[in-house]
Amino acid sequence: MAVREIGGIRVLDRVGLPAVLDAMIGRLLGLPGADPSIIARVTLGPKRVGTLHGRCRYPRPAKGNKPGAELRQQGYIITAAVRADRRAYPLGLPHWGALRAPRTKQGWRSGPVLYGFRRMEDAAGFVVAHELAHIALRQKWIAVKNTEAVTNALAVHWCADVGLNVDVRPAERGRRLVPAATVLGLERSRQLWLW
């Protein structure tokens, strides 16, 4: 297990993918207003069954504060696990994604999507980016609603930016996917998305 710091964030790497963690945390810290001090820890570990799993725990008062003392805040805790057996790949994961829906206000709706990973690095990048995206959206570093479809679109976008390949296919027959840039409004001014 390698314990180190990336941009002021404590990182535990139990599967040996430092380049993936560097790339994804670098994408998060590259956002305007990003503050690494609110993140307590990012952990990437092995998963024995299934493809991947992630969890983002939001800040809460730390335990053990003395009565009358000011409550300390515990930062975000990211826990990500990825199938560590390279022979198991390629693997897929059904999850929520953005499907075209021209009659809706935003032009898309959440729906079932299949995400495909050819290598362990692709799966690890996706799950870490997904959980970091929850922080970026919750903190309004990217001013779009914090939903599973949006975090997945952002994760796919970040993976593509650093050379990781995540295949995305609609699970429903005849549906077309919406590109991540459309979902995230990356082509529009940031000011248009503030709420």
N, C-alpha and C. Protein backbone atom coordinates (compact mmCIF):
# COMPACT_ATOMS: atom_id res chain seq x y z
N MET A 1 0.86 -1.18 0.00
CA MET A 1 0.00 0.00 0.00
C MET A 1 0.90 1.24 0.00
N ALA A 2 0.65 2.11 -0.94
CA ALA A 2 1.41 3.36 -1.04
C ALA A 2 0.56 4.51 -0.51
N VAL A 3 1.10 5.24 0.45
CA VAL A 3 0.44 6.42 1.00
C VAL A 3 1.27 7.62 0.59
N ARG A 4 0.63 8.60 -0.01
CA ARG A 4 1.34 9.81 -0.43
C ARG A 4 0.37 10.96 -0.53
N GLU A 5 0.88 12.12 -0.90
CA GLU A 5 0.04 13.30 -1.08
C GLU A 5 0.08 13.75 -2.54
N ILE A 6 -1.07 14.11 -3.04
CA ILE A 6 -1.18 14.67 -4.39
C ILE A 6 -1.89 16.02 -4.24
N GLY A 7 -1.18 17.09 -4.47
CA GLY A 7 -1.78 18.43 -4.38
C GLY A 7 -2.36 18.73 -3.02
N GLY A 8 -1.77 18.17 -1.96
CA GLY A 8 -2.27 18.41 -0.61
C GLY A 8 -3.35 17.44 -0.17
N ILE A 9 -3.67 16.45 -0.98
CA ILE A 9 -4.69 15.45 -0.65
C ILE A 9 -4.01 14.13 -0.31
N ARG A 10 -4.37 13.55 0.83
CA ARG A 10 -3.80 12.26 1.25
C ARG A 10 -4.41 11.16 0.39
N VAL A 11 -3.55 10.33 -0.22
CA VAL A 11 -4.00 9.29 -1.15
C VAL A 11 -3.43 7.95 -0.71
N LEU A 12 -4.29 6.93 -0.64
CA LEU A 12 -3.89 5.56 -0.36
C LEU A 12 -4.14 4.74 -1.62
N ASP A 13 -3.08 4.17 -2.17
CA ASP A 13 -3.17 3.39 -3.40
C ASP A 13 -2.84 1.94 -3.09
N ARG A 14 -3.88 1.09 -3.10
CA ARG A 14 -3.68 -0.32 -2.77
C ARG A 14 -3.63 -1.22 -4.00
N VAL A 15 -3.74 -0.63 -5.20
CA VAL A 15 -3.67 -1.45 -6.42
C VAL A 15 -2.51 -1.07 -7.33
N GLY A 16 -1.77 -0.04 -6.99
CA GLY A 16 -0.58 0.33 -7.76
C GLY A 16 -0.86 1.08 -9.05
N LEU A 17 -1.73 2.08 -8.99
CA LEU A 17 -2.03 2.90 -10.17
C LEU A 17 -1.79 4.38 -9.86
N PRO A 18 -0.55 4.77 -9.55
CA PRO A 18 -0.30 6.17 -9.19
C PRO A 18 -0.57 7.15 -10.32
N ALA A 19 -0.31 6.76 -11.56
CA ALA A 19 -0.54 7.68 -12.69
C ALA A 19 -2.01 8.01 -12.86
N VAL A 20 -2.87 7.03 -12.65
CA VAL A 20 -4.32 7.25 -12.76
C VAL A 20 -4.78 8.21 -11.67
N LEU A 21 -4.34 7.98 -10.44
CA LEU A 21 -4.72 8.86 -9.34
C LEU A 21 -4.19 10.28 -9.56
N ASP A 22 -2.94 10.40 -10.01
CA ASP A 22 -2.38 11.72 -10.32
C ASP A 22 -3.23 12.45 -11.35
N ALA A 23 -3.62 11.74 -12.41
CA ALA A 23 -4.37 12.36 -13.49
C ALA A 23 -5.75 12.82 -13.04
N MET A 24 -6.48 11.97 -12.31
CA MET A 24 -7.84 12.31 -11.91
C MET A 24 -7.87 13.41 -10.86
N ILE A 25 -6.98 13.33 -9.88
CA ILE A 25 -6.93 14.38 -8.86
C ILE A 25 -6.44 15.68 -9.49
N GLY A 26 -5.54 15.59 -10.44
CA GLY A 26 -5.10 16.78 -11.18
C GLY A 26 -6.23 17.46 -11.92
N ARG A 27 -7.13 16.66 -12.50
CA ARG A 27 -8.30 17.23 -13.20
C ARG A 27 -9.20 17.98 -12.21
N LEU A 28 -9.41 17.38 -11.03
CA LEU A 28 -10.25 18.03 -10.02
C LEU A 28 -9.61 19.34 -9.56
N LEU A 29 -8.32 19.29 -9.25
CA LEU A 29 -7.65 20.48 -8.72
C LEU A 29 -7.46 21.55 -9.78
N GLY A 30 -7.61 21.21 -11.05
CA GLY A 30 -7.52 22.19 -12.12
C GLY A 30 -8.78 23.01 -12.31
N LEU A 31 -9.84 22.68 -11.59
CA LEU A 31 -11.10 23.42 -11.71
C LEU A 31 -11.00 24.76 -10.98
N PRO A 32 -11.66 25.80 -11.51
CA PRO A 32 -11.64 27.10 -10.83
C PRO A 32 -12.27 26.98 -9.43
N GLY A 33 -11.59 27.48 -8.43
CA GLY A 33 -12.11 27.46 -7.07
C GLY A 33 -11.85 26.17 -6.31
N ALA A 34 -11.21 25.18 -6.92
CA ALA A 34 -10.97 23.90 -6.25
C ALA A 34 -10.12 24.09 -5.01
N ASP A 35 -10.54 23.46 -3.92
CA ASP A 35 -9.86 23.59 -2.63
C ASP A 35 -9.52 22.20 -2.09
N PRO A 36 -8.26 21.79 -2.17
CA PRO A 36 -7.90 20.45 -1.71
C PRO A 36 -8.04 20.26 -0.20
N SER A 37 -8.11 21.32 0.56
CA SER A 37 -8.17 21.19 2.02
C SER A 37 -9.49 20.59 2.50
N ILE A 38 -10.52 20.57 1.66
CA ILE A 38 -11.81 20.00 2.09
C ILE A 38 -11.88 18.49 1.83
N ILE A 39 -10.82 17.91 1.27
CA ILE A 39 -10.80 16.47 1.00
C ILE A 39 -9.87 15.81 2.02
N ALA A 40 -10.42 14.93 2.84
CA ALA A 40 -9.63 14.27 3.87
C ALA A 40 -8.77 13.15 3.30
N ARG A 41 -9.34 12.36 2.35
CA ARG A 41 -8.60 11.19 1.88
C ARG A 41 -9.24 10.63 0.62
N VAL A 42 -8.40 10.08 -0.25
CA VAL A 42 -8.83 9.32 -1.43
C VAL A 42 -8.15 7.95 -1.34
N THR A 43 -8.96 6.89 -1.37
CA THR A 43 -8.43 5.53 -1.29
C THR A 43 -8.85 4.75 -2.52
N LEU A 44 -7.89 4.09 -3.17
CA LEU A 44 -8.17 3.19 -4.29
C LEU A 44 -7.71 1.80 -3.88
N GLY A 45 -8.66 0.87 -3.80
CA GLY A 45 -8.34 -0.48 -3.36
C GLY A 45 -8.83 -1.53 -4.34
N PRO A 46 -8.49 -2.81 -4.07
CA PRO A 46 -8.91 -3.90 -4.95
C PRO A 46 -10.33 -4.37 -4.65
N LYS A 47 -10.99 -4.88 -5.67
CA LYS A 47 -12.33 -5.47 -5.55
C LYS A 47 -12.24 -6.88 -6.10
N ARG A 48 -12.75 -7.85 -5.36
CA ARG A 48 -12.62 -9.24 -5.79
C ARG A 48 -13.76 -9.70 -6.68
N VAL A 49 -14.95 -9.16 -6.48
CA VAL A 49 -16.11 -9.56 -7.25
C VAL A 49 -16.72 -8.31 -7.88
N GLY A 50 -17.20 -8.41 -9.10
CA GLY A 50 -17.79 -7.27 -9.77
C GLY A 50 -16.72 -6.44 -10.46
N THR A 51 -17.12 -5.30 -10.98
CA THR A 51 -16.21 -4.46 -11.75
C THR A 51 -15.58 -3.37 -10.90
N LEU A 52 -16.42 -2.54 -10.30
CA LEU A 52 -15.92 -1.43 -9.51
C LEU A 52 -16.97 -0.98 -8.52
N HIS A 53 -16.53 -0.19 -7.57
CA HIS A 53 -17.44 0.39 -6.58
C HIS A 53 -16.81 1.67 -6.07
N GLY A 54 -17.62 2.67 -5.81
CA GLY A 54 -17.11 3.92 -5.26
C GLY A 54 -18.07 4.50 -4.25
N ARG A 55 -17.52 5.31 -3.37
CA ARG A 55 -18.33 5.98 -2.36
C ARG A 55 -17.70 7.31 -2.02
N CYS A 56 -18.52 8.34 -1.93
CA CYS A 56 -18.08 9.67 -1.53
C CYS A 56 -18.83 10.02 -0.25
N ARG A 57 -18.11 10.13 0.85
CA ARG A 57 -18.73 10.50 2.11
C ARG A 57 -18.53 11.99 2.33
N TYR A 58 -19.61 12.67 2.59
CA TYR A 58 -19.58 14.12 2.73
C TYR A 58 -19.08 14.54 4.11
N PRO A 59 -18.59 15.77 4.24
CA PRO A 59 -18.04 16.21 5.53
C PRO A 59 -19.06 16.14 6.66
N ARG A 60 -18.57 15.80 7.83
CA ARG A 60 -19.40 15.79 9.03
C ARG A 60 -18.50 16.16 10.20
N PRO A 61 -19.09 16.55 11.31
CA PRO A 61 -18.23 16.87 12.47
C PRO A 61 -17.40 15.67 12.87
N ALA A 62 -16.14 15.91 13.18
CA ALA A 62 -15.25 14.83 13.59
C ALA A 62 -15.62 14.36 15.00
N LYS A 63 -15.40 13.09 15.27
CA LYS A 63 -15.70 12.53 16.59
C LYS A 63 -14.61 12.94 17.58
N GLY A 64 -14.96 12.92 18.84
CA GLY A 64 -13.97 13.16 19.88
C GLY A 64 -13.75 14.61 20.25
N ASN A 65 -14.64 15.49 19.80
CA ASN A 65 -14.49 16.89 20.19
C ASN A 65 -14.91 17.07 21.65
N LYS A 66 -14.19 17.89 22.37
CA LYS A 66 -14.51 18.13 23.77
C LYS A 66 -15.74 19.04 23.85
N PRO A 67 -16.55 18.86 24.89
CA PRO A 67 -17.73 19.73 25.06
C PRO A 67 -17.31 21.19 25.11
N GLY A 68 -18.05 22.01 24.41
CA GLY A 68 -17.77 23.44 24.38
C GLY A 68 -16.72 23.83 23.36
N ALA A 69 -15.99 22.85 22.83
CA ALA A 69 -14.96 23.16 21.83
C ALA A 69 -15.63 23.31 20.46
N GLU A 70 -14.98 24.05 19.62
CA GLU A 70 -15.49 24.26 18.27
C GLU A 70 -15.43 22.93 17.50
N LEU A 71 -16.49 22.60 16.79
CA LEU A 71 -16.52 21.36 16.03
C LEU A 71 -15.57 21.45 14.84
N ARG A 72 -14.69 20.45 14.72
CA ARG A 72 -13.84 20.37 13.55
C ARG A 72 -14.61 19.64 12.46
N GLN A 73 -14.41 20.01 11.24
CA GLN A 73 -15.05 19.32 10.13
C GLN A 73 -14.12 18.28 9.57
N GLN A 74 -14.66 17.09 9.36
CA GLN A 74 -13.91 16.06 8.65
C GLN A 74 -14.21 16.27 7.17
N GLY A 75 -13.20 16.24 6.32
CA GLY A 75 -13.40 16.50 4.91
C GLY A 75 -14.03 15.34 4.16
N TYR A 76 -14.16 15.51 2.87
CA TYR A 76 -14.69 14.45 2.01
C TYR A 76 -13.77 13.24 2.07
N ILE A 77 -14.37 12.06 2.10
CA ILE A 77 -13.61 10.81 2.06
C ILE A 77 -14.08 10.03 0.85
N ILE A 78 -13.15 9.79 -0.08
CA ILE A 78 -13.44 9.03 -1.30
C ILE A 78 -12.88 7.62 -1.12
N THR A 79 -13.73 6.63 -1.33
CA THR A 79 -13.30 5.24 -1.32
C THR A 79 -13.68 4.64 -2.67
N ALA A 80 -12.70 4.15 -3.39
CA ALA A 80 -12.94 3.54 -4.71
C ALA A 80 -12.30 2.16 -4.73
N ALA A 81 -12.99 1.23 -5.36
CA ALA A 81 -12.45 -0.13 -5.49
C ALA A 81 -12.63 -0.57 -6.93
N VAL A 82 -11.63 -1.28 -7.45
CA VAL A 82 -11.66 -1.72 -8.84
C VAL A 82 -11.19 -3.17 -8.90
N ARG A 83 -11.76 -3.92 -9.82
CA ARG A 83 -11.35 -5.32 -10.00
C ARG A 83 -9.86 -5.34 -10.33
N ALA A 84 -9.07 -5.97 -9.47
CA ALA A 84 -7.62 -5.91 -9.60
C ALA A 84 -7.02 -7.06 -10.40
N ASP A 85 -7.83 -7.98 -10.87
CA ASP A 85 -7.35 -9.09 -11.69
C ASP A 85 -7.37 -8.66 -13.16
N ARG A 86 -6.20 -8.39 -13.72
CA ARG A 86 -6.12 -7.89 -15.09
C ARG A 86 -6.67 -8.88 -16.11
N ARG A 87 -6.66 -10.17 -15.78
CA ARG A 87 -7.18 -11.18 -16.72
C ARG A 87 -8.69 -11.11 -16.86
N ALA A 88 -9.37 -10.44 -15.92
CA ALA A 88 -10.83 -10.34 -15.95
C ALA A 88 -11.33 -9.33 -17.00
N TYR A 89 -10.45 -8.47 -17.47
CA TYR A 89 -10.86 -7.42 -18.41
C TYR A 89 -10.86 -7.95 -19.83
N PRO A 90 -11.76 -7.41 -20.68
CA PRO A 90 -12.65 -6.27 -20.52
C PRO A 90 -13.87 -6.60 -19.65
N LEU A 91 -14.35 -5.57 -18.94
CA LEU A 91 -15.51 -5.68 -18.06
C LEU A 91 -16.47 -4.54 -18.37
N GLY A 92 -17.73 -4.74 -18.01
CA GLY A 92 -18.74 -3.71 -18.20
C GLY A 92 -19.46 -3.39 -16.91
N LEU A 93 -20.15 -2.25 -16.90
CA LEU A 93 -20.91 -1.81 -15.74
C LEU A 93 -22.16 -1.08 -16.20
N PRO A 94 -23.35 -1.58 -15.84
CA PRO A 94 -24.57 -0.81 -16.13
C PRO A 94 -24.74 0.29 -15.08
N HIS A 95 -25.02 1.49 -15.52
CA HIS A 95 -25.21 2.61 -14.59
C HIS A 95 -26.03 3.67 -15.31
N TRP A 96 -26.22 4.82 -14.67
CA TRP A 96 -27.00 5.90 -15.27
C TRP A 96 -26.15 6.74 -16.21
N GLY A 97 -26.76 7.18 -17.29
CA GLY A 97 -26.08 8.04 -18.25
C GLY A 97 -27.08 9.04 -18.82
N ALA A 98 -26.61 9.87 -19.71
CA ALA A 98 -27.44 10.90 -20.33
C ALA A 98 -27.89 10.42 -21.71
N LEU A 99 -29.19 10.29 -21.90
CA LEU A 99 -29.77 9.87 -23.17
C LEU A 99 -30.50 11.05 -23.79
N ARG A 100 -30.43 11.14 -25.12
CA ARG A 100 -31.12 12.23 -25.81
C ARG A 100 -32.61 12.18 -25.51
N ALA A 101 -33.16 13.34 -25.21
CA ALA A 101 -34.60 13.50 -24.99
C ALA A 101 -34.97 14.91 -25.43
N PRO A 102 -35.21 15.11 -26.75
CA PRO A 102 -35.42 16.46 -27.27
C PRO A 102 -36.59 17.21 -26.64
N ARG A 103 -37.55 16.51 -26.08
CA ARG A 103 -38.72 17.19 -25.52
C ARG A 103 -38.50 17.68 -24.09
N THR A 104 -37.36 17.35 -23.51
CA THR A 104 -37.08 17.81 -22.15
C THR A 104 -36.39 19.16 -22.19
N LYS A 105 -36.43 19.87 -21.06
CA LYS A 105 -35.86 21.21 -20.96
C LYS A 105 -34.36 21.23 -21.30
N GLN A 106 -33.60 20.25 -20.77
CA GLN A 106 -32.16 20.25 -21.00
C GLN A 106 -31.76 19.47 -22.24
N GLY A 107 -32.69 18.76 -22.90
CA GLY A 107 -32.38 18.02 -24.11
C GLY A 107 -31.90 16.60 -23.87
N TRP A 108 -31.87 16.18 -22.62
CA TRP A 108 -31.45 14.82 -22.28
C TRP A 108 -32.17 14.38 -21.01
N ARG A 109 -32.15 13.07 -20.77
CA ARG A 109 -32.71 12.53 -19.54
C ARG A 109 -31.80 11.42 -19.04
N SER A 110 -31.90 11.11 -17.78
CA SER A 110 -31.13 10.00 -17.22
C SER A 110 -31.74 8.69 -17.68
N GLY A 111 -30.87 7.73 -17.97
CA GLY A 111 -31.33 6.42 -18.39
C GLY A 111 -30.23 5.40 -18.25
N PRO A 112 -30.56 4.13 -18.39
CA PRO A 112 -29.55 3.08 -18.24
C PRO A 112 -28.54 3.08 -19.39
N VAL A 113 -27.27 2.98 -19.02
CA VAL A 113 -26.16 3.02 -19.97
C VAL A 113 -25.18 1.92 -19.58
N LEU A 114 -24.48 1.37 -20.56
CA LEU A 114 -23.43 0.38 -20.29
C LEU A 114 -22.08 1.04 -20.48
N TYR A 115 -21.26 1.01 -19.44
CA TYR A 115 -19.90 1.53 -19.49
C TYR A 115 -18.96 0.34 -19.61
N GLY A 116 -18.03 0.40 -20.56
CA GLY A 116 -17.11 -0.70 -20.79
C GLY A 116 -15.67 -0.29 -20.53
N PHE A 117 -14.92 -1.19 -19.92
CA PHE A 117 -13.52 -0.93 -19.55
C PHE A 117 -12.65 -2.04 -20.11
N ARG A 118 -11.71 -1.68 -20.95
CA ARG A 118 -10.81 -2.67 -21.54
C ARG A 118 -9.67 -3.05 -20.61
N ARG A 119 -9.28 -2.09 -19.73
CA ARG A 119 -8.15 -2.31 -18.83
C ARG A 119 -8.52 -1.86 -17.42
N MET A 120 -7.75 -2.34 -16.46
CA MET A 120 -7.96 -1.93 -15.06
C MET A 120 -7.78 -0.43 -14.91
N GLU A 121 -6.85 0.17 -15.64
CA GLU A 121 -6.61 1.61 -15.55
C GLU A 121 -7.85 2.40 -15.94
N ASP A 122 -8.56 1.95 -16.99
CA ASP A 122 -9.77 2.63 -17.44
C ASP A 122 -10.84 2.60 -16.36
N ALA A 123 -11.04 1.42 -15.75
CA ALA A 123 -12.05 1.27 -14.70
C ALA A 123 -11.69 2.11 -13.48
N ALA A 124 -10.42 2.09 -13.09
CA ALA A 124 -9.99 2.87 -11.92
C ALA A 124 -10.15 4.37 -12.17
N GLY A 125 -9.76 4.82 -13.35
CA GLY A 125 -9.93 6.23 -13.68
C GLY A 125 -11.37 6.65 -13.63
N PHE A 126 -12.26 5.81 -14.15
CA PHE A 126 -13.68 6.13 -14.17
C PHE A 126 -14.26 6.24 -12.77
N VAL A 127 -13.99 5.26 -11.91
CA VAL A 127 -14.60 5.27 -10.58
C VAL A 127 -14.04 6.41 -9.73
N VAL A 128 -12.74 6.69 -9.82
CA VAL A 128 -12.16 7.79 -9.05
C VAL A 128 -12.70 9.13 -9.58
N ALA A 129 -12.75 9.28 -10.89
CA ALA A 129 -13.28 10.52 -11.48
C ALA A 129 -14.74 10.72 -11.10
N HIS A 130 -15.52 9.66 -11.11
CA HIS A 130 -16.94 9.74 -10.75
C HIS A 130 -17.10 10.28 -9.33
N GLU A 131 -16.36 9.73 -8.39
CA GLU A 131 -16.49 10.17 -7.00
C GLU A 131 -15.95 11.59 -6.80
N LEU A 132 -14.86 11.94 -7.48
CA LEU A 132 -14.36 13.31 -7.40
C LEU A 132 -15.33 14.30 -8.04
N ALA A 133 -16.04 13.86 -9.07
CA ALA A 133 -17.05 14.72 -9.71
C ALA A 133 -18.16 15.07 -8.74
N HIS A 134 -18.53 14.13 -7.85
CA HIS A 134 -19.55 14.45 -6.84
C HIS A 134 -19.10 15.64 -5.99
N ILE A 135 -17.82 15.69 -5.63
CA ILE A 135 -17.30 16.81 -4.84
C ILE A 135 -17.37 18.10 -5.66
N ALA A 136 -16.89 18.05 -6.90
CA ALA A 136 -16.88 19.25 -7.76
C ALA A 136 -18.28 19.80 -7.95
N LEU A 137 -19.25 18.93 -8.13
CA LEU A 137 -20.62 19.39 -8.35
C LEU A 137 -21.27 19.87 -7.06
N ARG A 138 -21.02 19.18 -5.96
CA ARG A 138 -21.60 19.58 -4.68
C ARG A 138 -21.04 20.91 -4.20
N GLN A 139 -19.76 21.16 -4.48
CA GLN A 139 -19.11 22.41 -4.07
C GLN A 139 -19.33 23.54 -5.09
N LYS A 140 -20.01 23.24 -6.20
CA LYS A 140 -20.30 24.22 -7.26
C LYS A 140 -19.04 24.68 -7.99
N TRP A 141 -17.98 23.84 -8.00
CA TRP A 141 -16.81 24.14 -8.82
C TRP A 141 -17.18 23.96 -10.28
N ILE A 142 -18.16 23.12 -10.53
CA ILE A 142 -18.83 23.02 -11.83
C ILE A 142 -20.30 23.20 -11.51
N ALA A 143 -20.90 24.23 -12.04
CA ALA A 143 -22.25 24.60 -11.65
C ALA A 143 -23.31 23.88 -12.49
N VAL A 144 -23.40 22.57 -12.27
CA VAL A 144 -24.42 21.73 -12.89
C VAL A 144 -24.97 20.87 -11.77
N LYS A 145 -26.20 20.40 -11.91
CA LYS A 145 -26.83 19.59 -10.87
C LYS A 145 -26.05 18.30 -10.62
N ASN A 146 -25.92 17.92 -9.36
CA ASN A 146 -25.17 16.73 -8.93
C ASN A 146 -26.07 15.49 -9.06
N THR A 147 -26.04 14.85 -10.23
CA THR A 147 -26.79 13.62 -10.46
C THR A 147 -25.83 12.53 -10.92
N GLU A 148 -26.27 11.29 -10.88
CA GLU A 148 -25.43 10.18 -11.33
C GLU A 148 -25.12 10.30 -12.82
N ALA A 149 -26.08 10.70 -13.63
CA ALA A 149 -25.84 10.83 -15.07
C ALA A 149 -24.77 11.89 -15.35
N VAL A 150 -24.84 13.01 -14.64
CA VAL A 150 -23.88 14.09 -14.86
C VAL A 150 -22.49 13.69 -14.35
N THR A 151 -22.42 13.04 -13.18
CA THR A 151 -21.11 12.62 -12.67
C THR A 151 -20.48 11.58 -13.60
N ASN A 152 -21.30 10.70 -14.16
CA ASN A 152 -20.76 9.72 -15.11
C ASN A 152 -20.27 10.40 -16.38
N ALA A 153 -21.03 11.38 -16.88
CA ALA A 153 -20.59 12.11 -18.07
C ALA A 153 -19.27 12.84 -17.81
N LEU A 154 -19.17 13.44 -16.63
CA LEU A 154 -17.94 14.14 -16.27
C LEU A 154 -16.77 13.15 -16.14
N ALA A 155 -17.03 11.98 -15.56
CA ALA A 155 -15.98 10.96 -15.42
C ALA A 155 -15.49 10.49 -16.78
N VAL A 156 -16.39 10.26 -17.71
CA VAL A 156 -16.01 9.84 -19.07
C VAL A 156 -15.18 10.94 -19.73
N HIS A 157 -15.60 12.19 -19.56
CA HIS A 157 -14.90 13.34 -20.13
C HIS A 157 -13.48 13.44 -19.57
N TRP A 158 -13.33 13.33 -18.24
CA TRP A 158 -12.01 13.41 -17.62
C TRP A 158 -11.12 12.25 -18.07
N CYS A 159 -11.70 11.06 -18.16
CA CYS A 159 -10.91 9.90 -18.61
C CYS A 159 -10.39 10.12 -20.03
N ALA A 160 -11.26 10.61 -20.91
CA ALA A 160 -10.85 10.86 -22.30
C ALA A 160 -9.74 11.91 -22.35
N ASP A 161 -9.82 12.92 -21.50
CA ASP A 161 -8.81 13.99 -21.48
C ASP A 161 -7.42 13.49 -21.10
N VAL A 162 -7.35 12.42 -20.32
CA VAL A 162 -6.04 11.91 -19.88
C VAL A 162 -5.65 10.61 -20.59
N GLY A 163 -6.39 10.24 -21.64
CA GLY A 163 -6.02 9.09 -22.45
C GLY A 163 -6.55 7.75 -21.97
N LEU A 164 -7.53 7.75 -21.07
CA LEU A 164 -8.17 6.51 -20.65
C LEU A 164 -9.42 6.29 -21.49
N ASN A 165 -9.70 5.05 -21.82
CA ASN A 165 -10.80 4.74 -22.73
C ASN A 165 -11.96 4.10 -21.98
N VAL A 166 -13.11 4.77 -21.98
CA VAL A 166 -14.33 4.22 -21.40
C VAL A 166 -15.36 4.15 -22.53
N ASP A 167 -15.79 2.94 -22.85
CA ASP A 167 -16.82 2.77 -23.87
C ASP A 167 -18.18 3.05 -23.25
N VAL A 168 -19.03 3.78 -23.98
CA VAL A 168 -20.36 4.12 -23.48
C VAL A 168 -21.38 3.72 -24.54
N ARG A 169 -22.34 2.90 -24.12
CA ARG A 169 -23.40 2.46 -25.03
C ARG A 169 -24.73 2.53 -24.31
N PRO A 170 -25.78 2.96 -25.00
CA PRO A 170 -27.10 2.97 -24.35
C PRO A 170 -27.58 1.55 -24.11
N ALA A 171 -28.21 1.34 -22.97
CA ALA A 171 -28.74 0.01 -22.65
C ALA A 171 -30.08 -0.21 -23.34
N GLU A 172 -30.78 0.86 -23.66
CA GLU A 172 -32.07 0.74 -24.33
C GLU A 172 -31.87 0.79 -25.84
N ARG A 173 -32.54 -0.06 -26.53
CA ARG A 173 -32.41 -0.11 -27.99
C ARG A 173 -33.00 1.15 -28.63
N GLY A 174 -32.28 1.69 -29.59
CA GLY A 174 -32.80 2.84 -30.33
C GLY A 174 -32.54 4.18 -29.68
N ARG A 175 -31.94 4.24 -28.53
CA ARG A 175 -31.66 5.52 -27.87
C ARG A 175 -30.28 6.01 -28.28
N ARG A 176 -30.11 7.33 -28.32
CA ARG A 176 -28.81 7.92 -28.64
C ARG A 176 -28.27 8.62 -27.40
N LEU A 177 -26.98 8.47 -27.19
CA LEU A 177 -26.34 9.12 -26.05
C LEU A 177 -26.04 10.57 -26.35
N VAL A 178 -25.97 11.35 -25.30
CA VAL A 178 -25.62 12.76 -25.41
C VAL A 178 -24.13 12.90 -25.06
N PRO A 179 -23.35 13.62 -25.88
CA PRO A 179 -21.93 13.82 -25.54
C PRO A 179 -21.76 14.52 -24.20
N ALA A 180 -20.68 14.20 -23.50
CA ALA A 180 -20.43 14.78 -22.18
C ALA A 180 -20.44 16.30 -22.21
N ALA A 181 -19.91 16.90 -23.25
CA ALA A 181 -19.87 18.37 -23.32
C ALA A 181 -21.27 18.96 -23.31
N THR A 182 -22.23 18.27 -23.92
CA THR A 182 -23.62 18.75 -23.93
C THR A 182 -24.22 18.67 -22.54
N VAL A 183 -24.00 17.55 -21.86
CA VAL A 183 -24.55 17.36 -20.52
C VAL A 183 -23.96 18.37 -19.55
N LEU A 184 -22.67 18.58 -19.64
CA LEU A 184 -22.00 19.44 -18.67
C LEU A 184 -22.01 20.91 -19.04
N GLY A 185 -22.45 21.22 -20.25
CA GLY A 185 -22.48 22.61 -20.66
C GLY A 185 -21.10 23.20 -20.79
N LEU A 186 -20.10 22.39 -21.16
CA LEU A 186 -18.73 22.89 -21.22
C LEU A 186 -18.52 23.91 -22.33
N GLU A 187 -19.42 23.91 -23.32
CA GLU A 187 -19.28 24.85 -24.42
C GLU A 187 -19.90 26.21 -24.11
N ARG A 188 -20.58 26.30 -22.99
CA ARG A 188 -21.22 27.55 -22.60
C ARG A 188 -20.39 28.24 -21.52
N SER A 189 -20.67 29.50 -21.34
CA SER A 189 -20.01 30.25 -20.28
C SER A 189 -20.40 29.68 -18.93
N ARG A 190 -19.44 29.65 -18.02
CA ARG A 190 -19.71 29.16 -16.67
C ARG A 190 -20.83 29.95 -15.99
N GLN A 191 -20.92 31.23 -16.28
CA GLN A 191 -21.91 32.09 -15.63
C GLN A 191 -23.34 31.67 -15.96
N LEU A 192 -23.57 31.07 -17.12
CA LEU A 192 -24.92 30.67 -17.48
C LEU A 192 -25.44 29.53 -16.61
N TRP A 193 -24.53 28.79 -15.96
CA TRP A 193 -24.95 27.62 -15.19
C TRP A 193 -25.04 27.87 -13.70
N LEU A 194 -24.73 29.08 -13.24
CA LEU A 194 -24.80 29.35 -11.82
C LEU A 194 -26.26 29.37 -11.37
N TRP A 195 -26.54 28.83 -10.20
CA TRP A 195 -27.91 28.80 -9.72
C TRP A 195 -28.07 29.65 -8.51
